[in-house]
Amino acid sequence: MLLARLGVTPEQLLQTTDTTPGNVPTFAEYIPRVAEAAPQGAAGVYKHYWNRILQHWPNRHLNEPTPSEIEHFAKTTKNNAVTRRNSRGGNGAAEHLIAAFRCIYHHAENDGLIN
């Protein structure tokens, strides 16, 4: 009864998405698709950070990096940010990198590549 009230069938509960690394694209395979699909403004802001991801993890599958690895990547980006007169100590660079990752993972989730 509960499943019927939720509008879910038992078969749907048994369906799983295979997210083993071999079935999930690498960053090098997927970022160009995201760049093409993203709005022009977002793509303009994130392009630099997507390129950093491509340099750092081109052959890693989207579901391989752990949150702590991404956090470490953001911290490294923050520490290596160019200091300008209006600099915020690299915080903006780290925030943009995280936003670029969010954009990638948002598209991957919508495409059914990750849960």
PDB file of N, CA and C in Angstrom:
ATOM      1  N   MET A   1       0.818  -1.194   0.000  1.00  0.00           N
ATOM      2  CA  MET A   1       0.000   0.000   0.000  1.00  0.00           C
ATOM      3  C   MET A   1       0.867   1.266   0.000  1.00  0.00           C
ATOM      4  N   LEU A   2       1.920   1.216   0.781  1.00  0.00           N
ATOM      5  CA  LEU A   2       2.795   2.387   0.865  1.00  0.00           C
ATOM      6  C   LEU A   2       3.392   2.718  -0.498  1.00  0.00           C
ATOM      7  N   LEU A   3       3.875   1.701  -1.196  1.00  0.00           N
ATOM      8  CA  LEU A   3       4.461   1.949  -2.508  1.00  0.00           C
ATOM      9  C   LEU A   3       3.431   2.541  -3.467  1.00  0.00           C
ATOM     10  N   ALA A   4       2.222   2.028  -3.422  1.00  0.00           N
ATOM     11  CA  ALA A   4       1.162   2.553  -4.287  1.00  0.00           C
ATOM     12  C   ALA A   4       0.879   4.012  -3.960  1.00  0.00           C
ATOM     13  N   ARG A   5       0.890   4.352  -2.691  1.00  0.00           N
ATOM     14  CA  ARG A   5       0.644   5.747  -2.291  1.00  0.00           C
ATOM     15  C   ARG A   5       1.774   6.657  -2.738  1.00  0.00           C
ATOM     16  N   LEU A   6       2.986   6.104  -2.785  1.00  0.00           N
ATOM     17  CA  LEU A   6       4.139   6.883  -3.232  1.00  0.00           C
ATOM     18  C   LEU A   6       4.265   6.903  -4.757  1.00  0.00           C
ATOM     19  N   GLY A   7       3.493   6.054  -5.428  1.00  0.00           N
ATOM     20  CA  GLY A   7       3.573   5.991  -6.889  1.00  0.00           C
ATOM     21  C   GLY A   7       4.813   5.275  -7.382  1.00  0.00           C
ATOM     22  N   VAL A   8       5.279   4.303  -6.588  1.00  0.00           N
ATOM     23  CA  VAL A   8       6.492   3.559  -6.920  1.00  0.00           C
ATOM     24  C   VAL A   8       6.124   2.082  -7.055  1.00  0.00           C
ATOM     25  N   THR A   9       6.683   1.433  -8.065  1.00  0.00           N
ATOM     26  CA  THR A   9       6.459  -0.001  -8.231  1.00  0.00           C
ATOM     27  C   THR A   9       7.627  -0.766  -7.632  1.00  0.00           C
ATOM     28  N   PRO A  10       7.412  -2.024  -7.261  1.00  0.00           N
ATOM     29  CA  PRO A  10       8.533  -2.824  -6.746  1.00  0.00           C
ATOM     30  C   PRO A  10       9.676  -2.943  -7.758  1.00  0.00           C
ATOM     31  N   GLU A  11       9.335  -2.984  -9.044  1.00  0.00           N
ATOM     32  CA  GLU A  11      10.366  -3.072 -10.078  1.00  0.00           C
ATOM     33  C   GLU A  11      11.265  -1.842 -10.070  1.00  0.00           C
ATOM     34  N   GLN A  12      10.668  -0.681  -9.824  1.00  0.00           N
ATOM     35  CA  GLN A  12      11.462   0.547  -9.790  1.00  0.00           C
ATOM     36  C   GLN A  12      12.460   0.532  -8.643  1.00  0.00           C
ATOM     37  N   LEU A  13      12.090  -0.097  -7.544  1.00  0.00           N
ATOM     38  CA  LEU A  13      13.009  -0.185  -6.411  1.00  0.00           C
ATOM     39  C   LEU A  13      14.204  -1.077  -6.734  1.00  0.00           C
ATOM     40  N   LEU A  14      14.013  -2.030  -7.621  1.00  0.00           N
ATOM     41  CA  LEU A  14      15.086  -2.944  -7.977  1.00  0.00           C
ATOM     42  C   LEU A  14      15.996  -2.396  -9.061  1.00  0.00           C
ATOM     43  N   GLN A  15      15.539  -1.365  -9.768  1.00  0.00           N
ATOM     44  CA  GLN A  15      16.356  -0.781 -10.823  1.00  0.00           C
ATOM     45  C   GLN A  15      17.491   0.015 -10.206  1.00  0.00           C
ATOM     46  N   THR A  16      18.672  -0.229 -10.701  1.00  0.00           N
ATOM     47  CA  THR A  16      19.831   0.530 -10.239  1.00  0.00           C
ATOM     48  C   THR A  16      20.573   1.058 -11.448  1.00  0.00           C
ATOM     49  N   THR A  17      21.242   2.152 -11.247  1.00  0.00           N
ATOM     50  CA  THR A  17      22.105   2.700 -12.281  1.00  0.00           C
ATOM     51  C   THR A  17      23.503   2.186 -12.020  1.00  0.00           C
ATOM     52  N   ASP A  18      24.121   1.622 -13.022  1.00  0.00           N
ATOM     53  CA  ASP A  18      25.477   1.112 -12.875  1.00  0.00           C
ATOM     54  C   ASP A  18      26.447   2.283 -12.914  1.00  0.00           C
ATOM     55  N   THR A  19      26.997   2.621 -11.752  1.00  0.00           N
ATOM     56  CA  THR A  19      27.902   3.759 -11.666  1.00  0.00           C
ATOM     57  C   THR A  19      29.338   3.309 -11.391  1.00  0.00           C
ATOM     58  N   THR A  20      29.678   2.120 -11.867  1.00  0.00           N
ATOM     59  CA  THR A  20      31.072   1.706 -11.744  1.00  0.00           C
ATOM     60  C   THR A  20      31.906   2.615 -12.635  1.00  0.00           C
ATOM     61  N   PRO A  21      33.166   2.832 -12.289  1.00  0.00           N
ATOM     62  CA  PRO A  21      33.972   3.788 -13.042  1.00  0.00           C
ATOM     63  C   PRO A  21      33.951   3.597 -14.553  1.00  0.00           C
ATOM     64  N   GLY A  22      33.908   2.366 -15.042  1.00  0.00           N
ATOM     65  CA  GLY A  22      33.914   2.128 -16.475  1.00  0.00           C
ATOM     66  C   GLY A  22      32.656   2.604 -17.191  1.00  0.00           C
ATOM     67  N   ASN A  23      31.563   2.786 -16.460  1.00  0.00           N
ATOM     68  CA  ASN A  23      30.306   3.198 -17.072  1.00  0.00           C
ATOM     69  C   ASN A  23      30.003   4.677 -16.878  1.00  0.00           C
ATOM     70  N   VAL A  24      30.860   5.366 -16.182  1.00  0.00           N
ATOM     71  CA  VAL A  24      30.714   6.799 -15.953  1.00  0.00           C
ATOM     72  C   VAL A  24      31.839   7.490 -16.718  1.00  0.00           C
ATOM     73  N   PRO A  25      31.535   8.570 -17.456  1.00  0.00           N
ATOM     74  CA  PRO A  25      32.593   9.205 -18.253  1.00  0.00           C
ATOM     75  C   PRO A  25      33.674   9.841 -17.387  1.00  0.00           C
ATOM     76  N   THR A  26      34.818  10.041 -18.005  1.00  0.00           N
ATOM     77  CA  THR A  26      35.899  10.758 -17.343  1.00  0.00           C
ATOM     78  C   THR A  26      35.621  12.254 -17.449  1.00  0.00           C
ATOM     79  N   PHE A  27      36.357  13.038 -16.704  1.00  0.00           N
ATOM     80  CA  PHE A  27      36.212  14.492 -16.795  1.00  0.00           C
ATOM     81  C   PHE A  27      36.548  14.964 -18.211  1.00  0.00           C
ATOM     82  N   ALA A  28      37.567  14.357 -18.823  1.00  0.00           N
ATOM     83  CA  ALA A  28      37.955  14.759 -20.180  1.00  0.00           C
ATOM     84  C   ALA A  28      36.849  14.457 -21.192  1.00  0.00           C
ATOM     85  N   GLU A  29      36.100  13.398 -20.961  1.00  0.00           N
ATOM     86  CA  GLU A  29      34.999  13.059 -21.859  1.00  0.00           C
ATOM     87  C   GLU A  29      33.769  13.924 -21.615  1.00  0.00           C
ATOM     88  N   TYR A  30      33.543  14.297 -20.364  1.00  0.00           N
ATOM     89  CA  TYR A  30      32.271  14.926 -20.011  1.00  0.00           C
ATOM     90  C   TYR A  30      32.292  16.452 -19.996  1.00  0.00           C
ATOM     91  N   ILE A  31      33.378  17.059 -19.599  1.00  0.00           N
ATOM     92  CA  ILE A  31      33.416  18.522 -19.498  1.00  0.00           C
ATOM     93  C   ILE A  31      33.095  19.204 -20.833  1.00  0.00           C
ATOM     94  N   PRO A  32      33.584  18.723 -21.967  1.00  0.00           N
ATOM     95  CA  PRO A  32      33.182  19.377 -23.225  1.00  0.00           C
ATOM     96  C   PRO A  32      31.670  19.354 -23.464  1.00  0.00           C
ATOM     97  N   ARG A  33      31.007  18.270 -23.058  1.00  0.00           N
ATOM     98  CA  ARG A  33      29.546  18.204 -23.207  1.00  0.00           C
ATOM     99  C   ARG A  33      28.861  19.208 -22.302  1.00  0.00           C
ATOM    100  N   VAL A  34      29.371  19.354 -21.081  1.00  0.00           N
ATOM    101  CA  VAL A  34      28.798  20.323 -20.149  1.00  0.00           C
ATOM    102  C   VAL A  34      29.026  21.737 -20.669  1.00  0.00           C
ATOM    103  N   ALA A  35      30.216  22.009 -21.147  1.00  0.00           N
ATOM    104  CA  ALA A  35      30.540  23.344 -21.676  1.00  0.00           C
ATOM    105  C   ALA A  35      29.618  23.714 -22.831  1.00  0.00           C
ATOM    106  N   GLU A  36      29.291  22.729 -23.641  1.00  0.00           N
ATOM    107  CA  GLU A  36      28.403  22.971 -24.777  1.00  0.00           C
ATOM    108  C   GLU A  36      26.969  23.234 -24.320  1.00  0.00           C
ATOM    109  N   ALA A  37      26.540  22.553 -23.266  1.00  0.00           N
ATOM    110  CA  ALA A  37      25.164  22.656 -22.789  1.00  0.00           C
ATOM    111  C   ALA A  37      24.938  23.820 -21.827  1.00  0.00           C
ATOM    112  N   ALA A  38      25.980  24.262 -21.167  1.00  0.00           N
ATOM    113  CA  ALA A  38      25.843  25.313 -20.147  1.00  0.00           C
ATOM    114  C   ALA A  38      25.518  26.653 -20.790  1.00  0.00           C
ATOM    115  N   PRO A  39      24.783  27.499 -20.071  1.00  0.00           N
ATOM    116  CA  PRO A  39      24.541  28.850 -20.583  1.00  0.00           C
ATOM    117  C   PRO A  39      25.865  29.578 -20.819  1.00  0.00           C
ATOM    118  N   GLN A  40      25.871  30.478 -21.773  1.00  0.00           N
ATOM    119  CA  GLN A  40      27.105  31.152 -22.176  1.00  0.00           C
ATOM    120  C   GLN A  40      27.780  31.857 -21.000  1.00  0.00           C
ATOM    121  N   GLY A  41      27.008  32.507 -20.145  1.00  0.00           N
ATOM    122  CA  GLY A  41      27.586  33.209 -18.998  1.00  0.00           C
ATOM    123  C   GLY A  41      28.282  32.265 -18.042  1.00  0.00           C
ATOM    124  N   ALA A  42      27.632  31.145 -17.731  1.00  0.00           N
ATOM    125  CA  ALA A  42      28.226  30.163 -16.827  1.00  0.00           C
ATOM    126  C   ALA A  42      29.475  29.560 -17.455  1.00  0.00           C
ATOM    127  N   ALA A  43      29.384  29.226 -18.730  1.00  0.00           N
ATOM    128  CA  ALA A  43      30.537  28.634 -19.405  1.00  0.00           C
ATOM    129  C   ALA A  43      31.725  29.594 -19.397  1.00  0.00           C
ATOM    130  N   GLY A  44      31.453  30.881 -19.543  1.00  0.00           N
ATOM    131  CA  GLY A  44      32.528  31.867 -19.515  1.00  0.00           C
ATOM    132  C   GLY A  44      33.222  31.933 -18.166  1.00  0.00           C
ATOM    133  N   VAL A  45      32.443  31.852 -17.091  1.00  0.00           N
ATOM    134  CA  VAL A  45      33.010  31.906 -15.736  1.00  0.00           C
ATOM    135  C   VAL A  45      33.739  30.609 -15.410  1.00  0.00           C
ATOM    136  N   TYR A  46      33.143  29.465 -15.774  1.00  0.00           N
ATOM    137  CA  TYR A  46      33.674  28.171 -15.349  1.00  0.00           C
ATOM    138  C   TYR A  46      34.770  27.617 -16.255  1.00  0.00           C
ATOM    139  N   LYS A  47      34.919  28.164 -17.460  1.00  0.00           N
ATOM    140  CA  LYS A  47      35.863  27.603 -18.429  1.00  0.00           C
ATOM    141  C   LYS A  47      37.267  27.445 -17.835  1.00  0.00           C
ATOM    142  N   HIS A  48      37.741  28.479 -17.173  1.00  0.00           N
ATOM    143  CA  HIS A  48      39.076  28.429 -16.567  1.00  0.00           C
ATOM    144  C   HIS A  48      39.166  27.289 -15.551  1.00  0.00           C
ATOM    145  N   TYR A  49      38.136  27.105 -14.761  1.00  0.00           N
ATOM    146  CA  TYR A  49      38.147  26.083 -13.712  1.00  0.00           C
ATOM    147  C   TYR A  49      37.946  24.690 -14.295  1.00  0.00           C
ATOM    148  N   TRP A  50      37.142  24.569 -15.357  1.00  0.00           N
ATOM    149  CA  TRP A  50      37.023  23.281 -16.045  1.00  0.00           C
ATOM    150  C   TRP A  50      38.368  22.888 -16.632  1.00  0.00           C
ATOM    151  N   ASN A  51      39.110  23.857 -17.165  1.00  0.00           N
ATOM    152  CA  ASN A  51      40.446  23.562 -17.694  1.00  0.00           C
ATOM    153  C   ASN A  51      41.382  23.086 -16.591  1.00  0.00           C
ATOM    154  N   ARG A  52      41.258  23.662 -15.404  1.00  0.00           N
ATOM    155  CA  ARG A  52      42.078  23.206 -14.265  1.00  0.00           C
ATOM    156  C   ARG A  52      41.743  21.754 -13.920  1.00  0.00           C
ATOM    157  N   ILE A  53      40.444  21.441 -13.920  1.00  0.00           N
ATOM    158  CA  ILE A  53      40.019  20.066 -13.631  1.00  0.00           C
ATOM    159  C   ILE A  53      40.579  19.131 -14.706  1.00  0.00           C
ATOM    160  N   LEU A  54      40.503  19.564 -15.956  1.00  0.00           N
ATOM    161  CA  LEU A  54      41.024  18.740 -17.056  1.00  0.00           C
ATOM    162  C   LEU A  54      42.527  18.526 -16.933  1.00  0.00           C
ATOM    163  N   GLN A  55      43.255  19.509 -16.449  1.00  0.00           N
ATOM    164  CA  GLN A  55      44.699  19.359 -16.250  1.00  0.00           C
ATOM    165  C   GLN A  55      45.001  18.424 -15.086  1.00  0.00           C
ATOM    166  N   HIS A  56      44.184  18.529 -14.043  1.00  0.00           N
ATOM    167  CA  HIS A  56      44.440  17.796 -12.802  1.00  0.00           C
ATOM    168  C   HIS A  56      43.923  16.352 -12.853  1.00  0.00           C
ATOM    169  N   TRP A  57      42.698  16.152 -13.384  1.00  0.00           N
ATOM    170  CA  TRP A  57      42.051  14.836 -13.360  1.00  0.00           C
ATOM    171  C   TRP A  57      41.444  14.454 -14.709  1.00  0.00           C
ATOM    172  N   PRO A  58      42.148  14.513 -15.808  1.00  0.00           N
ATOM    173  CA  PRO A  58      41.515  14.240 -17.101  1.00  0.00           C
ATOM    174  C   PRO A  58      40.962  12.822 -17.228  1.00  0.00           C
ATOM    175  N   ASN A  59      41.654  11.845 -16.677  1.00  0.00           N
ATOM    176  CA  ASN A  59      41.269  10.443 -16.867  1.00  0.00           C
ATOM    177  C   ASN A  59      40.512   9.844 -15.700  1.00  0.00           C
ATOM    178  N   ARG A  60      40.168  10.671 -14.734  1.00  0.00           N
ATOM    179  CA  ARG A  60      39.374  10.167 -13.607  1.00  0.00           C
ATOM    180  C   ARG A  60      37.908  10.205 -13.988  1.00  0.00           C
ATOM    181  N   HIS A  61      37.183   9.212 -13.553  1.00  0.00           N
ATOM    182  CA  HIS A  61      35.747   9.161 -13.805  1.00  0.00           C
ATOM    183  C   HIS A  61      35.039  10.101 -12.832  1.00  0.00           C
ATOM    184  N   LEU A  62      33.891  10.613 -13.261  1.00  0.00           N
ATOM    185  CA  LEU A  62      33.174  11.605 -12.459  1.00  0.00           C
ATOM    186  C   LEU A  62      32.884  11.125 -11.044  1.00  0.00           C
ATOM    187  N   ASN A  63      32.657   9.827 -10.877  1.00  0.00           N
ATOM    188  CA  ASN A  63      32.298   9.302  -9.560  1.00  0.00           C
ATOM    189  C   ASN A  63      33.504   8.847  -8.738  1.00  0.00           C
ATOM    190  N   GLU A  64      34.701   9.131  -9.183  1.00  0.00           N
ATOM    191  CA  GLU A  64      35.887   8.706  -8.442  1.00  0.00           C
ATOM    192  C   GLU A  64      36.354   9.683  -7.357  1.00  0.00           C
ATOM    193  N   PRO A  65      36.429  10.992  -7.622  1.00  0.00           N
ATOM    194  CA  PRO A  65      36.942  11.887  -6.569  1.00  0.00           C
ATOM    195  C   PRO A  65      36.018  11.910  -5.350  1.00  0.00           C
ATOM    196  N   THR A  66      36.643  11.892  -4.196  1.00  0.00           N
ATOM    197  CA  THR A  66      35.885  11.982  -2.958  1.00  0.00           C
ATOM    198  C   THR A  66      35.675  13.464  -2.612  1.00  0.00           C
ATOM    199  N   PRO A  67      34.702  13.746  -1.754  1.00  0.00           N
ATOM    200  CA  PRO A  67      34.524  15.139  -1.330  1.00  0.00           C
ATOM    201  C   PRO A  67      35.791  15.747  -0.735  1.00  0.00           C
ATOM    202  N   SER A  68      36.554  14.948   0.008  1.00  0.00           N
ATOM    203  CA  SER A  68      37.776  15.499   0.608  1.00  0.00           C
ATOM    204  C   SER A  68      38.828  15.796  -0.461  1.00  0.00           C
ATOM    205  N   GLU A  69      38.867  15.021  -1.540  1.00  0.00           N
ATOM    206  CA  GLU A  69      39.791  15.314  -2.631  1.00  0.00           C
ATOM    207  C   GLU A  69      39.407  16.614  -3.332  1.00  0.00           C
ATOM    208  N   ILE A  70      38.115  16.805  -3.536  1.00  0.00           N
ATOM    209  CA  ILE A  70      37.654  18.046  -4.163  1.00  0.00           C
ATOM    210  C   ILE A  70      37.938  19.226  -3.243  1.00  0.00           C
ATOM    211  N   GLU A  71      37.741  19.043  -1.952  1.00  0.00           N
ATOM    212  CA  GLU A  71      38.046  20.096  -0.982  1.00  0.00           C
ATOM    213  C   GLU A  71      39.533  20.436  -1.000  1.00  0.00           C
ATOM    214  N   HIS A  72      40.378  19.424  -1.087  1.00  0.00           N
ATOM    215  CA  HIS A  72      41.825  19.654  -1.158  1.00  0.00           C
ATOM    216  C   HIS A  72      42.179  20.401  -2.447  1.00  0.00           C
ATOM    217  N   PHE A  73      41.545  20.030  -3.552  1.00  0.00           N
ATOM    218  CA  PHE A  73      41.743  20.698  -4.832  1.00  0.00           C
ATOM    219  C   PHE A  73      41.369  22.174  -4.710  1.00  0.00           C
ATOM    220  N   ALA A  74      40.242  22.462  -4.053  1.00  0.00           N
ATOM    221  CA  ALA A  74      39.801  23.852  -3.866  1.00  0.00           C
ATOM    222  C   ALA A  74      40.799  24.617  -2.993  1.00  0.00           C
ATOM    223  N   LYS A  75      41.312  23.968  -1.962  1.00  0.00           N
ATOM    224  CA  LYS A  75      42.286  24.621  -1.076  1.00  0.00           C
ATOM    225  C   LYS A  75      43.574  24.942  -1.832  1.00  0.00           C
ATOM    226  N   THR A  76      44.019  24.003  -2.670  1.00  0.00           N
ATOM    227  CA  THR A  76      45.211  24.231  -3.491  1.00  0.00           C
ATOM    228  C   THR A  76      44.974  25.383  -4.464  1.00  0.00           C
ATOM    229  N   THR A  77      43.787  25.414  -5.056  1.00  0.00           N
ATOM    230  CA  THR A  77      43.429  26.504  -5.971  1.00  0.00           C
ATOM    231  C   THR A  77      43.446  27.837  -5.244  1.00  0.00           C
ATOM    232  N   LYS A  78      42.915  27.844  -4.034  1.00  0.00           N
ATOM    233  CA  LYS A  78      42.900  29.064  -3.220  1.00  0.00           C
ATOM    234  C   LYS A  78      44.324  29.536  -2.930  1.00  0.00           C
ATOM    235  N   ASN A  79      45.173  28.607  -2.536  1.00  0.00           N
ATOM    236  CA  ASN A  79      46.549  28.960  -2.178  1.00  0.00           C
ATOM    237  C   ASN A  79      47.385  29.414  -3.372  1.00  0.00           C
ATOM    238  N   ASN A  80      47.015  28.967  -4.569  1.00  0.00           N
ATOM    239  CA  ASN A  80      47.770  29.316  -5.768  1.00  0.00           C
ATOM    240  C   ASN A  80      47.139  30.451  -6.571  1.00  0.00           C
ATOM    241  N   ALA A  81      46.097  31.044  -6.042  1.00  0.00           N
ATOM    242  CA  ALA A  81      45.408  32.116  -6.765  1.00  0.00           C
ATOM    243  C   ALA A  81      46.317  33.333  -6.910  1.00  0.00           C
ATOM    244  N   VAL A  82      46.162  34.013  -8.024  1.00  0.00           N
ATOM    245  CA  VAL A  82      46.941  35.223  -8.287  1.00  0.00           C
ATOM    246  C   VAL A  82      46.437  36.324  -7.356  1.00  0.00           C
ATOM    247  N   THR A  83      47.379  37.002  -6.692  1.00  0.00           N
ATOM    248  CA  THR A  83      47.025  38.084  -5.789  1.00  0.00           C
ATOM    249  C   THR A  83      46.934  39.391  -6.573  1.00  0.00           C
ATOM    250  N   ARG A  84      45.763  39.983  -6.499  1.00  0.00           N
ATOM    251  CA  ARG A  84      45.535  41.274  -7.153  1.00  0.00           C
ATOM    252  C   ARG A  84      45.124  42.279  -6.085  1.00  0.00           C
ATOM    253  N   ARG A  85      44.951  43.509  -6.505  1.00  0.00           N
ATOM    254  CA  ARG A  85      44.590  44.566  -5.562  1.00  0.00           C
ATOM    255  C   ARG A  85      43.264  44.272  -4.856  1.00  0.00           C
ATOM    256  N   ASN A  86      42.311  43.703  -5.594  1.00  0.00           N
ATOM    257  CA  ASN A  86      41.001  43.420  -5.011  1.00  0.00           C
ATOM    258  C   ASN A  86      40.879  41.965  -4.560  1.00  0.00           C
ATOM    259  N   SER A  87      41.999  41.305  -4.353  1.00  0.00           N
ATOM    260  CA  SER A  87      42.019  39.891  -3.991  1.00  0.00           C
ATOM    261  C   SER A  87      41.331  39.647  -2.659  1.00  0.00           C
ATOM    262  N   ARG A  88      40.722  38.464  -2.565  1.00  0.00           N
ATOM    263  CA  ARG A  88      40.103  38.030  -1.313  1.00  0.00           C
ATOM    264  C   ARG A  88      40.857  36.831  -0.752  1.00  0.00           C
ATOM    265  N   GLY A  89      42.138  36.792  -1.021  1.00  0.00           N
ATOM    266  CA  GLY A  89      42.961  35.709  -0.495  1.00  0.00           C
ATOM    267  C   GLY A  89      42.708  34.372  -1.169  1.00  0.00           C
ATOM    268  N   GLY A  90      42.216  34.388  -2.384  1.00  0.00           N
ATOM    269  CA  GLY A  90      41.973  33.146  -3.119  1.00  0.00           C
ATOM    270  C   GLY A  90      40.607  32.537  -2.883  1.00  0.00           C
ATOM    271  N   ASN A  91      39.801  33.151  -1.997  1.00  0.00           N
ATOM    272  CA  ASN A  91      38.478  32.604  -1.710  1.00  0.00           C
ATOM    273  C   ASN A  91      37.591  32.558  -2.952  1.00  0.00           C
ATOM    274  N   GLY A  92      37.668  33.581  -3.773  1.00  0.00           N
ATOM    275  CA  GLY A  92      36.857  33.614  -4.995  1.00  0.00           C
ATOM    276  C   GLY A  92      37.225  32.484  -5.943  1.00  0.00           C
ATOM    277  N   ALA A  93      38.514  32.212  -6.072  1.00  0.00           N
ATOM    278  CA  ALA A  93      38.971  31.133  -6.951  1.00  0.00           C
ATOM    279  C   ALA A  93      38.458  29.782  -6.459  1.00  0.00           C
ATOM    280  N   ALA A  94      38.548  29.554  -5.158  1.00  0.00           N
ATOM    281  CA  ALA A  94      38.058  28.296  -4.584  1.00  0.00           C
ATOM    282  C   ALA A  94      36.546  28.172  -4.768  1.00  0.00           C
ATOM    283  N   GLU A  95      35.823  29.269  -4.559  1.00  0.00           N
ATOM    284  CA  GLU A  95      34.368  29.244  -4.729  1.00  0.00           C
ATOM    285  C   GLU A  95      33.981  28.970  -6.174  1.00  0.00           C
ATOM    286  N   HIS A  96      34.693  29.555  -7.116  1.00  0.00           N
ATOM    287  CA  HIS A  96      34.394  29.313  -8.532  1.00  0.00           C
ATOM    288  C   HIS A  96      34.713  27.865  -8.924  1.00  0.00           C
ATOM    289  N   LEU A  97      35.780  27.309  -8.383  1.00  0.00           N
ATOM    290  CA  LEU A  97      36.109  25.913  -8.677  1.00  0.00           C
ATOM    291  C   LEU A  97      34.992  24.996  -8.180  1.00  0.00           C
ATOM    292  N   ILE A  98      34.531  25.229  -6.960  1.00  0.00           N
ATOM    293  CA  ILE A  98      33.443  24.411  -6.405  1.00  0.00           C
ATOM    294  C   ILE A  98      32.181  24.581  -7.245  1.00  0.00           C
ATOM    295  N   ALA A  99      31.887  25.795  -7.668  1.00  0.00           N
ATOM    296  CA  ALA A  99      30.710  26.037  -8.513  1.00  0.00           C
ATOM    297  C   ALA A  99      30.856  25.323  -9.853  1.00  0.00           C
ATOM    298  N   ALA A 100      32.067  25.284 -10.396  1.00  0.00           N
ATOM    299  CA  ALA A 100      32.305  24.570 -11.657  1.00  0.00           C
ATOM    300  C   ALA A 100      32.065  23.075 -11.475  1.00  0.00           C
ATOM    301  N   PHE A 101      32.514  22.517 -10.346  1.00  0.00           N
ATOM    302  CA  PHE A 101      32.234  21.111 -10.048  1.00  0.00           C
ATOM    303  C   PHE A 101      30.727  20.886  -9.900  1.00  0.00           C
ATOM    304  N   ARG A 102      30.054  21.779  -9.210  1.00  0.00           N
ATOM    305  CA  ARG A 102      28.598  21.641  -9.038  1.00  0.00           C
ATOM    306  C   ARG A 102      27.894  21.610 -10.386  1.00  0.00           C
ATOM    307  N   CYS A 103      28.319  22.446 -11.295  1.00  0.00           N
ATOM    308  CA  CYS A 103      27.729  22.480 -12.627  1.00  0.00           C
ATOM    309  C   CYS A 103      27.934  21.139 -13.325  1.00  0.00           C
ATOM    310  N   ILE A 104      29.130  20.598 -13.250  1.00  0.00           N
ATOM    311  CA  ILE A 104      29.416  19.301 -13.864  1.00  0.00           C
ATOM    312  C   ILE A 104      28.510  18.227 -13.272  1.00  0.00           C
ATOM    313  N   TYR A 105      28.463  18.170 -11.944  1.00  0.00           N
ATOM    314  CA  TYR A 105      27.693  17.119 -11.281  1.00  0.00           C
ATOM    315  C   TYR A 105      26.189  17.314 -11.450  1.00  0.00           C
ATOM    316  N   HIS A 106      25.751  18.542 -11.571  1.00  0.00           N
ATOM    317  CA  HIS A 106      24.332  18.804 -11.842  1.00  0.00           C
ATOM    318  C   HIS A 106      23.944  18.218 -13.201  1.00  0.00           C
ATOM    319  N   HIS A 107      24.767  18.463 -14.200  1.00  0.00           N
ATOM    320  CA  HIS A 107      24.507  17.919 -15.539  1.00  0.00           C
ATOM    321  C   HIS A 107      24.596  16.387 -15.525  1.00  0.00           C
ATOM    322  N   ALA A 108      25.581  15.845 -14.834  1.00  0.00           N
ATOM    323  CA  ALA A 108      25.750  14.383 -14.776  1.00  0.00           C
ATOM    324  C   ALA A 108      24.548  13.719 -14.105  1.00  0.00           C
ATOM    325  N   GLU A 109      24.039  14.346 -13.067  1.00  0.00           N
ATOM    326  CA  GLU A 109      22.845  13.811 -12.410  1.00  0.00           C
ATOM    327  C   GLU A 109      21.640  13.868 -13.334  1.00  0.00           C
ATOM    328  N   ASN A 110      21.466  15.007 -14.008  1.00  0.00           N
ATOM    329  CA  ASN A 110      20.355  15.139 -14.949  1.00  0.00           C
ATOM    330  C   ASN A 110      20.458  14.152 -16.108  1.00  0.00           C
ATOM    331  N   ASP A 111      21.682  13.814 -16.506  1.00  0.00           N
ATOM    332  CA  ASP A 111      21.891  12.854 -17.587  1.00  0.00           C
ATOM    333  C   ASP A 111      21.798  11.399 -17.097  1.00  0.00           C
ATOM    334  N   GLY A 112      21.576  11.210 -15.806  1.00  0.00           N
ATOM    335  CA  GLY A 112      21.451   9.866 -15.254  1.00  0.00           C
ATOM    336  C   GLY A 112      22.768   9.126 -15.118  1.00  0.00           C
ATOM    337  N   LEU A 113      23.868   9.866 -15.099  1.00  0.00           N
ATOM    338  CA  LEU A 113      25.188   9.236 -14.998  1.00  0.00           C
ATOM    339  C   LEU A 113      25.585   8.950 -13.562  1.00  0.00           C
ATOM    340  N   ILE A 114      25.066   9.748 -12.644  1.00  0.00           N
ATOM    341  CA  ILE A 114      25.331   9.563 -11.213  1.00  0.00           C
ATOM    342  C   ILE A 114      24.019   9.737 -10.465  1.00  0.00           C
ATOM    343  N   ASN A 115      23.992   9.250  -9.244  1.00  0.00           N
ATOM    344  CA  ASN A 115      22.787   9.399  -8.405  1.00  0.00           C
ATOM    345  C   ASN A 115      22.957  10.530  -7.433  1.00  0.00           C
TER     346      ASN A 115
END
